[in-house]
Amino acid sequence: MPELLSHLRRSRILAILRGVPPQHVPKLIETLLGAGIELFEVALSDDLGLPGLRAARAAFGSDVPLGAGTVVTPELARQAHQAGAAFLVTPHPVPDVNAYAREQGLGVLSGAFTPGEIYTAFQGGSAAVKVFPAGVLGPDYFRQLRGPYPDVPLLAVGGVDAGNIRAYLDAGAVSTGIGGALTRTDWNNPDWAALGRTAADIRAQTGEPI
């Protein structure tokens, strides 16, 4: 868990791969790595998720920090673990998934929205709390949360892009989760150069060296 938080603090971006065809997942990760993004989540919200996770693990072994997202049941957590996930991400607090992660030595990032959920998620062992949807709440929500929860690492997810990532980090988020802005292309004919430029632009806004 401390290692996962260190990755989040250093990279400032968790790339969320949702709806990416499995055959393109390794190339996308390679492209994002080239832009300085080093932490990845493959969302399991559709049938592409588990095959994509397996493809990524087969391509990179243990060299790339790789998690599974939208994990809402212990059974899905087990499947994600078998497919190669080193950490699990939930959209809301799921105590049974946290328990599985503890038993298996996996990191976990629990989703939350309200202050009560955020505290529950952190107390449940989440390395950082995924505040979602961040775009609805805005950076000031994170700034306000620093008062009662100064020691809770917060991850801003949902609606984060090059235009606002710096605002979330300045407001106190330790890192961000970015999906659509990093994966938006025609997957029948991916524009890898454009994906790389977009990723580099977003990464540059963090102010962190590559």
Foldseek 3Di string as FASTA:
>chain_A
DVVVLVLCLAQLEEEEEEPAALVCLQVLQVLLVVLRHQHYEYEPPDPRRLSNLLSNCVVQPPNGQYAYEQDQAVVSLVSRVVSPHQEYEHQFDRLRSLVSCVVVVGAYEYEHADPVRLVVRVVSRHPAHEHPQQVVVDLQVLLVVCVVCVPGAYEHEHPDALVCSCSNVVSRHSHYYDYCQQPDAPSVDGDSVVSSVRSNSSSVSNVRDD
